[in-house]
Amino acid sequence: MTLGWGSGHNCLPLVTALSVVPLLGLPLSAQTARDSACAKELRARQPDVSVTERGGCFQLAVFLVAGRTDRFYQVKTEEAVEAIPLRDLQSTVSGDAATSGSPAQSEAVPTVQPMALGGGSVAAVGSDAGANAITALTLNPSIFLVDPRSREATARYSRLTDLTVFFPVDGLDRDDDGKVDYFGVRVRVNMTGLSQGSRLMDEAVRLFRGVITRETQHAEVFERVITAAPDVTECTDALLGASVEAERLERACGSAVEIDIREGEYEQLREALAVAREEADARYFGLDLRLDVGDPTLGAVAGASGTSLVGGLAFGKRFVSAEAVGPSAGLRGRLGVRYLALDDTSVTQFAVDGGLAFEASRPLERERVDLSAGFEFRFGGPDGLEEALQTNFLVFRASLSVPMTDATSVSLGVSAPIMGEISPTLTINANWGLLLPAR
C-alpha cells in the first residue's frame, strides 16, 4: 500500500483506482462508445495521465472524485499529492536533546525515546558553580541510513536510537591546561522502537484503505451517472462545479445525483492517525549509555574531575487519551550502574544510579506541553568523598516544557537535594528539533 503518489494535479485517487480496476468486476471485455467518449474527455482534462479506452467512464469518475477530495488531504506540491505526510509518522514524545546526567538536565527522569532526526539545546544553568551555559546536539543516525521517502523505514528506524554530545560553551578550558574541562556523550536505544513504528505504519495503512474504499464507492456512483448522461462533457462540467445544485446536475446528467463526499471523513482520518501515534509511543524500554569526561560540577567541587561511564535500563508507560489532543499521564524510570575514575587520585568507584518520575502531557497537534516531577539517586563508594564522587544523594527534580513553535520549545528544570552533598540547580533550556515534511 503506497501512501504518496506521482505527478499531476488530482492524480491521487486516479492512480490508486486504476490499479484496482481489474478487481472491481467492471465490464472490460467490450469497448463501448461511451467508454471511448469518457476516455477522450479525461485525456482533454488530464493530458499527462495515461488513460485506457476500456473502463474510461470509471477512470473519468475517479478523476471527478479526486477533484472534490484532493483539498481534504491538505498536502499538495507541484509534483505530488501526499495522503499521509511523513511528519504524521514522526514521534512527538522523544523530549529534547539528551542532556541527562549533566547540570543542564531539565527532565525529571530522561526518556530513551530518540529524536526522529536531530536537534539541539542551549541551557543556562545556575548551581553552586555560578552561572554556566551548556549546549547539547543530538543526531539520529537513521538520517544517513534510511531513505527519507520511505514511510515505513522512517516510522521504524527514527524510533530506534540517537547520539548526543554536550559541553559548556562559556568556558571550555578555564584552567588553561589545553583540555576541555567537561564534555559528555550519550547514546539512547529504544528497544521497542522498531515494533512501535511497524504498528503505527500498519494502522496508518488500515485507516487510509478505509478512505480509498469510500472514494471508490463514490467513483462507482459517478460512473453510473456519466454512463447514462445525455452529454459526457456537460455532465462532467456539472459534477466538477464548485457549488453543485441538484437541478443543474439533473439537467446536465439526465438524472438525480446525490454527492455524499464529506470533509469530516478526512478529518477523522487525521484524528485517528494522531491517536495511533500517541498509542504507539506510549511505552518504551531501552538502554541509556553515557560517557562523561571532566568536572561535572563545573568547578564547584575541587578534585571532582574524572572519567565516568554510566550504563542502565530505562522504561516508561503513558496512559493516553482516546482524543488526539487529550491529556495523558504516566511513569518513567531508569536504573543503572556508574563507574568513575577520578583524575587526581587513584580512587575508582561503582555506584547504583537511577530515578523514578511522574509525567503529565498535553499534545497540541505536533507539539506538546510536558510536566514531570520525581526523584533521582546515586549510592555507592567510600565515605568522605561524596562531593568529589558526586554520589550518595537523593534529589528531587521537576521540569516544565512549553512549545514555542512546531520545532522549538523552552524548558525549565529545578533540582533540590533531599540528602547528600550535591548542588541544587536551576536550568532554562532553549530547545529545537528537525521536523519531517508536513502536510
Protein backbone atom coordinates (compact mmCIF):
# COMPACT_ATOMS: atom_id res chain seq x y z
CA MET A 1 0.00 0.00 0.00
CA THR A 2 1.53 3.32 -1.04
CA LEU A 3 0.80 6.49 0.85
CA GLY A 4 2.17 9.02 -1.65
CA TRP A 5 1.72 9.18 -5.41
CA GLY A 6 3.30 10.62 -8.55
CA SER A 7 2.92 13.72 -10.65
CA GLY A 8 -0.02 15.74 -11.76
CA HIS A 9 -2.83 17.56 -10.04
CA ASN A 10 -5.81 15.46 -8.98
CA CYS A 11 -3.98 12.19 -9.66
CA LEU A 12 -4.01 10.62 -6.20
CA PRO A 13 -7.22 8.59 -6.29
CA LEU A 14 -6.90 8.18 -10.08
CA VAL A 15 -3.65 6.22 -9.91
CA THR A 16 -4.94 4.20 -6.98
CA ALA A 17 -8.19 3.34 -8.71
CA LEU A 18 -6.50 2.39 -11.98
CA SER A 19 -4.52 -0.19 -10.07
CA VAL A 20 -7.69 -1.79 -8.66
CA VAL A 21 -9.94 -1.62 -11.74
CA PRO A 22 -9.34 -5.31 -12.59
CA LEU A 23 -10.58 -6.22 -9.11
CA LEU A 24 -13.90 -4.43 -9.40
CA GLY A 25 -15.56 -6.76 -11.83
CA LEU A 26 -16.21 -3.98 -14.37
CA PRO A 27 -17.24 -4.94 -17.91
CA LEU A 28 -13.83 -4.54 -19.53
CA SER A 29 -14.26 -7.21 -22.20
CA ALA A 30 -16.05 -4.96 -24.69
CA GLN A 31 -15.19 -1.40 -25.63
CA THR A 32 -18.23 0.81 -25.63
CA ALA A 33 -18.79 4.09 -27.36
CA ARG A 34 -19.49 5.73 -24.05
CA ASP A 35 -16.23 4.49 -22.53
CA SER A 36 -14.39 5.95 -25.52
CA ALA A 37 -16.14 9.28 -25.04
CA CYS A 38 -15.26 9.24 -21.34
CA ALA A 39 -11.63 8.41 -22.10
CA LYS A 40 -11.46 11.28 -24.63
CA GLU A 41 -12.93 13.67 -22.07
CA LEU A 42 -10.41 12.60 -19.44
CA ARG A 43 -7.45 12.98 -21.81
CA ALA A 44 -8.57 16.51 -22.62
CA ARG A 45 -8.61 17.40 -18.93
CA GLN A 46 -5.59 15.33 -17.81
CA PRO A 47 -3.18 15.05 -20.76
CA ASP A 48 -0.28 13.88 -18.56
CA VAL A 49 -2.15 10.81 -17.20
CA SER A 50 -2.27 7.52 -19.08
CA VAL A 51 -5.88 6.63 -19.87
CA THR A 52 -7.20 3.35 -21.31
CA GLU A 53 -10.26 3.05 -23.53
CA ARG A 54 -11.75 0.21 -21.57
CA GLY A 55 -13.25 1.40 -18.30
CA GLY A 56 -12.99 5.00 -19.49
CA CYS A 57 -16.08 6.13 -17.60
CA PHE A 58 -14.82 4.69 -14.34
CA GLN A 59 -11.48 6.45 -14.82
CA LEU A 60 -13.30 9.72 -15.50
CA ALA A 61 -15.42 9.14 -12.41
CA VAL A 62 -12.24 8.70 -10.32
CA PHE A 63 -10.97 11.99 -11.72
CA LEU A 64 -14.20 13.67 -10.64
CA VAL A 65 -13.94 12.25 -7.13
CA ALA A 66 -10.33 13.49 -6.96
CA GLY A 67 -11.48 16.95 -7.96
CA ARG A 68 -13.74 17.04 -4.94
CA THR A 69 -11.42 15.36 -2.39
CA ASP A 70 -7.85 16.49 -3.12
CA ARG A 71 -8.18 19.57 -0.93
CA PHE A 72 -9.11 17.41 2.03
CA TYR A 73 -5.68 15.77 2.09
CA GLN A 74 -4.03 19.16 2.79
CA VAL A 75 -0.79 18.00 1.17
CA LYS A 76 -0.15 19.26 -2.32
CA THR A 77 3.01 20.11 -4.24
CA GLU A 78 3.72 20.71 -7.90
CA GLU A 79 4.76 17.08 -8.27
CA ALA A 80 2.54 15.14 -5.92
CA VAL A 81 -0.44 14.87 -3.66
CA GLU A 82 0.60 13.18 -0.42
CA ALA A 83 -2.00 11.28 1.53
CA ILE A 84 -0.15 10.87 4.83
CA PRO A 85 2.80 13.24 5.34
CA LEU A 86 6.00 11.96 6.94
CA ARG A 87 5.61 14.27 9.93
CA ASP A 88 2.40 12.50 10.93
CA LEU A 89 4.56 9.37 11.44
CA GLN A 90 7.24 11.21 13.44
CA SER A 91 7.37 10.67 17.19
CA THR A 92 6.49 13.68 19.31
CA VAL A 93 7.44 12.21 22.71
CA SER A 94 11.25 11.99 22.44
CA GLY A 95 11.76 15.05 24.59
CA ASP A 96 14.63 17.42 23.95
CA ALA A 97 18.29 16.96 23.14
CA ALA A 98 19.57 14.44 25.66
CA THR A 99 21.31 16.39 28.45
CA SER A 100 20.72 13.81 31.17
CA GLY A 101 23.50 13.48 33.72
CA SER A 102 24.81 16.98 33.05
CA PRO A 103 23.98 20.13 35.02
CA ALA A 104 21.80 21.13 32.04
CA GLN A 105 19.37 18.24 32.57
CA SER A 106 15.85 19.63 32.55
CA GLU A 107 13.71 16.47 32.56
CA ALA A 108 12.93 14.90 35.92
CA VAL A 109 13.88 11.47 34.55
CA PRO A 110 15.02 11.46 30.91
CA THR A 111 13.45 9.18 28.34
CA VAL A 112 15.37 6.93 25.95
CA GLN A 113 12.94 7.56 23.10
CA PRO A 114 15.15 9.15 20.41
CA MET A 115 14.59 12.27 18.36
CA ALA A 116 13.31 11.44 14.88
CA LEU A 117 16.02 13.40 13.04
CA GLY A 118 18.01 15.57 15.40
CA GLY A 119 18.00 18.71 17.44
CA GLY A 120 19.80 20.81 19.96
CA SER A 121 19.56 22.58 23.26
CA VAL A 122 21.29 25.60 24.80
CA ALA A 123 20.89 25.78 28.56
CA ALA A 124 21.56 28.48 31.11
CA VAL A 125 22.50 26.68 34.35
CA GLY A 126 22.62 28.08 37.86
CA SER A 127 24.35 25.99 40.55
CA ASP A 128 26.98 26.24 43.30
CA ALA A 129 29.48 26.84 40.47
CA GLY A 130 27.63 30.01 39.48
CA ALA A 131 26.03 30.67 36.11
CA ASN A 132 27.09 28.49 33.19
CA ALA A 133 25.92 27.73 29.68
CA ILE A 134 25.83 24.20 28.26
CA THR A 135 24.90 23.15 24.75
CA ALA A 136 23.80 19.73 23.51
CA LEU A 137 23.47 18.41 19.96
CA THR A 138 21.53 15.25 19.14
CA LEU A 139 21.56 13.31 15.87
CA ASN A 140 19.58 10.27 14.79
CA PRO A 141 21.81 8.05 12.58
CA SER A 142 18.80 6.94 10.55
CA ILE A 143 19.21 10.21 8.63
CA PHE A 144 22.15 8.62 6.82
CA LEU A 145 20.89 5.04 6.67
CA VAL A 146 17.21 5.33 5.68
CA ASP A 147 15.58 6.66 2.53
CA PRO A 148 13.63 9.71 3.82
CA ARG A 149 10.91 9.00 1.25
CA SER A 150 10.19 5.59 2.77
CA ARG A 151 7.38 5.97 5.26
CA GLU A 152 7.74 2.51 6.80
CA ALA A 153 11.51 2.88 7.29
CA THR A 154 11.04 6.37 8.71
CA ALA A 155 8.37 5.22 11.16
CA ARG A 156 10.56 2.33 12.35
CA TYR A 157 14.17 3.47 12.42
CA SER A 158 13.55 7.03 13.60
CA ARG A 159 12.38 5.44 16.86
CA LEU A 160 15.45 3.24 17.44
CA THR A 161 18.46 5.27 18.60
CA ASP A 162 20.23 8.63 18.67
CA LEU A 163 23.57 10.12 19.79
CA THR A 164 24.10 13.29 21.84
CA VAL A 165 27.20 15.34 22.69
CA PHE A 166 27.11 18.13 25.28
CA PHE A 167 29.70 20.59 26.61
CA PRO A 168 29.90 24.02 28.29
CA VAL A 169 30.16 26.97 25.93
CA ASP A 170 31.11 29.71 28.37
CA GLY A 171 34.46 28.22 29.39
CA LEU A 172 35.76 25.13 27.64
CA ASP A 173 39.21 25.40 29.26
CA ARG A 174 39.02 27.54 32.37
CA ASP A 175 42.22 26.16 33.90
CA ASP A 176 44.20 26.70 30.67
CA ASP A 177 45.59 23.17 30.63
CA GLY A 178 44.81 22.67 26.92
CA LYS A 179 41.92 20.26 27.56
CA VAL A 180 38.16 20.72 27.57
CA ASP A 181 37.11 20.92 31.20
CA TYR A 182 33.93 18.89 30.72
CA PHE A 183 32.01 17.14 27.96
CA GLY A 184 29.69 14.19 27.62
CA VAL A 185 28.42 11.70 25.06
CA ARG A 186 25.12 9.89 25.41
CA VAL A 187 23.55 7.07 23.39
CA ARG A 188 19.94 6.08 23.92
CA VAL A 189 18.44 2.95 22.37
CA ASN A 190 14.70 2.28 22.42
CA MET A 191 14.44 -1.48 22.00
CA THR A 192 10.69 -1.23 21.41
CA GLY A 193 11.08 1.43 18.70
CA LEU A 194 11.07 -0.84 15.65
CA SER A 195 7.90 -2.67 16.68
CA GLN A 196 6.20 0.62 17.63
CA GLY A 197 6.96 2.05 14.19
CA SER A 198 5.62 -1.05 12.47
CA ARG A 199 2.37 -0.92 14.44
CA LEU A 200 1.93 2.74 13.61
CA MET A 201 2.51 2.12 9.90
CA ASP A 202 0.09 -0.82 9.86
CA GLU A 203 -2.59 1.35 11.47
CA ALA A 204 -1.92 4.19 9.01
CA VAL A 205 -2.37 1.81 6.07
CA ARG A 206 -5.57 0.38 7.58
CA LEU A 207 -7.05 3.84 8.10
CA PHE A 208 -6.12 5.00 4.63
CA ARG A 209 -7.58 1.90 3.00
CA GLY A 210 -10.91 2.86 4.51
CA VAL A 211 -10.72 6.29 2.82
CA ILE A 212 -9.76 4.74 -0.54
CA THR A 213 -12.66 2.28 -0.25
CA ARG A 214 -15.14 5.12 0.27
CA GLU A 215 -13.65 7.08 -2.65
CA THR A 216 -14.04 4.02 -4.86
CA GLN A 217 -17.70 3.78 -3.85
CA HIS A 218 -18.17 7.45 -4.78
CA ALA A 219 -16.48 6.77 -8.13
CA GLU A 220 -18.87 3.90 -8.87
CA VAL A 221 -21.83 6.25 -8.30
CA PHE A 222 -20.30 8.89 -10.62
CA GLU A 223 -19.59 6.22 -13.23
CA ARG A 224 -23.26 5.17 -13.38
CA VAL A 225 -24.29 8.82 -13.74
CA ILE A 226 -21.79 9.55 -16.53
CA THR A 227 -22.62 6.36 -18.40
CA ALA A 228 -26.30 7.31 -18.55
CA ALA A 229 -25.77 11.07 -19.11
CA PRO A 230 -27.04 12.62 -22.38
CA ASP A 231 -23.73 14.50 -22.83
CA VAL A 232 -20.47 13.49 -21.16
CA THR A 233 -18.88 16.96 -21.26
CA GLU A 234 -21.87 18.78 -19.78
CA CYS A 235 -22.28 16.21 -17.03
CA THR A 236 -18.55 16.34 -16.21
CA ASP A 237 -18.62 20.14 -16.01
CA ALA A 238 -21.60 19.99 -13.69
CA LEU A 239 -20.00 17.39 -11.41
CA LEU A 240 -16.80 19.46 -11.21
CA GLY A 241 -18.68 22.65 -10.26
CA ALA A 242 -17.64 24.28 -7.02
CA SER A 243 -21.28 24.55 -5.89
CA VAL A 244 -23.40 21.71 -7.16
CA GLU A 245 -27.12 22.45 -7.44
CA ALA A 246 -29.41 19.47 -7.62
CA GLU A 247 -31.46 20.92 -10.51
CA ARG A 248 -28.39 21.73 -12.60
CA LEU A 249 -26.98 18.27 -12.04
CA GLU A 250 -30.21 16.57 -13.01
CA ARG A 251 -30.49 18.73 -16.11
CA ALA A 252 -26.86 18.14 -17.22
CA CYS A 253 -26.63 14.46 -16.32
CA GLY A 254 -30.18 13.39 -17.11
CA SER A 255 -30.90 12.00 -13.64
CA ALA A 256 -30.80 12.97 -9.99
CA VAL A 257 -27.31 12.82 -8.44
CA GLU A 258 -26.54 12.59 -4.74
CA ILE A 259 -22.99 13.66 -3.83
CA ASP A 260 -22.10 12.44 -0.35
CA ILE A 261 -18.41 13.34 -0.07
CA ARG A 262 -17.75 14.67 3.42
CA GLU A 263 -14.67 16.51 4.63
CA GLY A 264 -15.29 15.11 8.08
CA GLU A 265 -14.14 11.67 6.91
CA TYR A 266 -10.68 13.09 6.20
CA GLU A 267 -10.56 14.96 9.48
CA GLN A 268 -11.39 11.68 11.21
CA LEU A 269 -8.51 10.03 9.35
CA ARG A 270 -6.02 12.58 10.68
CA GLU A 271 -7.52 12.42 14.16
CA ALA A 272 -7.32 8.62 14.23
CA LEU A 273 -3.74 8.66 12.95
CA ALA A 274 -2.71 11.14 15.65
CA VAL A 275 -4.25 8.89 18.32
CA ALA A 276 -2.47 5.86 16.80
CA ARG A 277 0.86 7.71 17.00
CA GLU A 278 0.28 8.57 20.67
CA GLU A 279 -0.58 4.94 21.43
CA ALA A 280 2.45 3.63 19.53
CA ASP A 281 4.78 5.84 21.58
CA ALA A 282 3.02 5.36 24.90
CA ARG A 283 5.60 2.87 26.21
CA TYR A 284 9.31 2.30 25.87
CA PHE A 285 12.09 0.09 27.18
CA GLY A 286 15.71 0.58 26.29
CA LEU A 287 19.34 1.34 27.07
CA ASP A 288 20.77 4.57 28.45
CA LEU A 289 24.55 4.77 27.93
CA ARG A 290 26.66 7.80 28.86
CA LEU A 291 30.31 8.86 28.98
CA ASP A 292 31.35 11.99 30.92
CA VAL A 293 34.89 13.38 30.89
CA GLY A 294 35.99 16.25 33.13
CA ASP A 295 34.37 18.04 36.03
CA PRO A 296 30.55 17.66 36.10
CA THR A 297 30.33 20.25 38.90
CA LEU A 298 31.89 22.86 36.55
CA GLY A 299 34.40 23.91 39.19
CA ALA A 300 32.15 23.96 42.24
CA VAL A 301 33.94 20.99 43.89
CA ALA A 302 37.72 20.60 43.97
CA GLY A 303 39.03 17.25 42.72
CA ALA A 304 35.75 16.22 41.04
CA SER A 305 37.26 15.89 37.57
CA GLY A 306 37.31 12.35 36.23
CA THR A 307 36.01 9.87 33.66
CA SER A 308 32.57 8.42 34.23
CA LEU A 309 30.74 5.60 32.43
CA VAL A 310 27.03 5.03 33.05
CA GLY A 311 25.01 2.14 31.67
CA GLY A 312 21.44 1.28 32.53
CA LEU A 313 17.93 0.33 31.54
CA ALA A 314 15.09 2.81 31.15
CA PHE A 315 11.36 2.28 30.92
CA GLY A 316 8.21 4.33 30.60
CA LYS A 317 4.47 3.95 30.26
CA ARG A 318 1.88 6.63 29.48
CA PHE A 319 -1.89 6.29 29.63
CA VAL A 320 -3.09 8.22 26.62
CA SER A 321 -6.44 9.77 25.82
CA ALA A 322 -8.78 8.49 23.11
CA GLU A 323 -8.66 12.02 21.65
CA ALA A 324 -5.73 13.26 19.58
CA VAL A 325 -5.22 16.32 21.79
CA GLY A 326 -6.34 14.73 25.04
CA PRO A 327 -4.13 14.76 28.15
CA SER A 328 -2.00 11.80 29.17
CA ALA A 329 -0.17 10.75 32.32
CA GLY A 330 2.39 8.12 33.10
CA LEU A 331 5.51 6.92 34.86
CA ARG A 332 9.10 6.73 33.69
CA GLY A 333 12.19 5.37 35.37
CA ARG A 334 15.73 4.15 34.91
CA LEU A 335 18.22 2.01 36.82
CA GLY A 336 21.90 1.52 36.07
CA VAL A 337 25.47 1.41 37.27
CA ARG A 338 28.08 4.18 37.15
CA TYR A 339 31.85 3.65 37.12
CA LEU A 340 34.02 6.67 37.98
CA ALA A 341 37.80 7.15 37.99
CA LEU A 342 38.97 10.48 39.45
CA ASP A 343 41.81 12.22 37.63
CA ASP A 344 43.82 13.48 40.60
CA THR A 345 43.67 10.32 42.74
CA SER A 346 43.70 6.58 42.33
CA VAL A 347 40.12 6.39 43.55
CA THR A 348 37.66 4.40 41.43
CA GLN A 349 34.09 3.74 42.33
CA PHE A 350 30.97 1.85 41.29
CA ALA A 351 27.56 3.25 42.22
CA VAL A 352 23.93 2.43 41.62
CA ASP A 353 22.29 5.23 39.63
CA GLY A 354 18.58 5.66 38.89
CA GLY A 355 15.35 7.58 39.17
CA LEU A 356 11.56 7.44 39.05
CA ALA A 357 9.20 10.22 37.94
CA PHE A 358 5.58 11.00 37.20
CA GLU A 359 4.76 12.81 33.95
CA ALA A 360 1.76 14.61 32.51
CA SER A 361 1.42 15.76 28.92
CA ARG A 362 -0.97 17.63 26.67
CA PRO A 363 -0.49 17.25 22.89
CA LEU A 364 -1.10 20.33 20.76
CA GLU A 365 -1.08 18.98 17.20
CA ARG A 366 2.64 18.13 16.70
CA GLU A 367 3.99 19.96 19.72
CA ARG A 368 3.18 19.24 23.36
CA VAL A 369 3.30 20.66 26.87
CA ASP A 370 5.15 18.32 29.27
CA LEU A 371 5.33 18.37 33.05
CA SER A 372 7.33 15.88 35.10
CA ALA A 373 8.43 15.51 38.71
CA GLY A 374 10.31 12.78 40.52
CA PHE A 375 13.43 11.61 42.29
CA GLU A 376 16.92 10.65 41.17
CA PHE A 377 19.56 8.93 43.29
CA ARG A 378 23.09 7.59 43.27
CA PHE A 379 24.57 5.45 46.04
CA GLY A 380 27.95 3.76 46.40
CA GLY A 381 31.61 4.43 47.08
CA PRO A 382 33.75 5.30 50.12
CA ASP A 383 32.64 7.74 52.80
CA GLY A 384 34.22 11.17 52.90
CA LEU A 385 34.49 11.62 49.12
CA GLU A 386 30.81 12.17 48.38
CA GLU A 387 31.32 15.65 46.93
CA ALA A 388 34.16 14.69 44.61
CA LEU A 389 32.44 11.45 43.57
CA GLN A 390 29.01 13.11 43.29
CA THR A 391 27.38 10.12 44.98
CA ASN A 392 25.27 9.08 47.99
CA PHE A 393 22.47 11.53 47.26
CA LEU A 394 18.74 11.70 46.69
CA VAL A 395 17.46 14.70 44.76
CA PHE A 396 14.02 15.96 43.79
CA ARG A 397 13.63 17.13 40.17
CA ALA A 398 10.81 18.87 38.33
CA SER A 399 10.54 20.21 34.80
CA LEU A 400 8.12 22.01 32.53
CA SER A 401 8.47 22.17 28.74
CA VAL A 402 6.35 24.60 26.73
CA PRO A 403 6.34 24.72 22.89
CA MET A 404 7.08 27.98 21.11
CA THR A 405 6.62 26.72 17.53
CA ASP A 406 6.37 23.32 15.86
CA ALA A 407 10.16 22.90 16.13
CA THR A 408 11.12 24.85 19.26
CA SER A 409 10.32 24.82 22.95
CA VAL A 410 11.52 26.25 26.24
CA SER A 411 12.16 24.02 29.26
CA LEU A 412 12.50 24.99 32.89
CA GLY A 413 14.08 22.50 35.27
CA VAL A 414 14.83 22.62 39.01
CA SER A 415 16.55 20.20 41.35
CA ALA A 416 16.78 20.27 45.13
CA PRO A 417 18.80 17.79 47.21
CA ILE A 418 16.90 15.85 49.83
CA MET A 419 20.04 14.20 51.14
CA GLY A 420 23.69 14.20 50.17
CA GLU A 421 26.39 16.67 49.14
CA ILE A 422 25.10 17.83 45.78
CA SER A 423 24.31 21.26 44.43
CA PRO A 424 20.75 22.45 43.70
CA THR A 425 20.31 23.61 40.11
CA LEU A 426 18.07 25.79 38.01
CA THR A 427 18.13 25.36 34.23
CA ILE A 428 16.43 27.16 31.39
CA ASN A 429 16.76 25.34 28.06
CA ALA A 430 16.03 26.65 24.59
CA ASN A 431 15.31 23.54 22.50
CA TRP A 432 14.90 22.95 18.79
CA GLY A 433 14.38 19.88 16.63
CA LEU A 434 14.34 18.92 12.97
CA LEU A 435 10.93 18.10 11.55
CA LEU A 436 9.96 15.86 8.65
CA PRO A 437 7.89 17.26 5.74
CA ALA A 438 4.43 18.36 6.87
CA ARG A 439 1.01 18.41 5.27
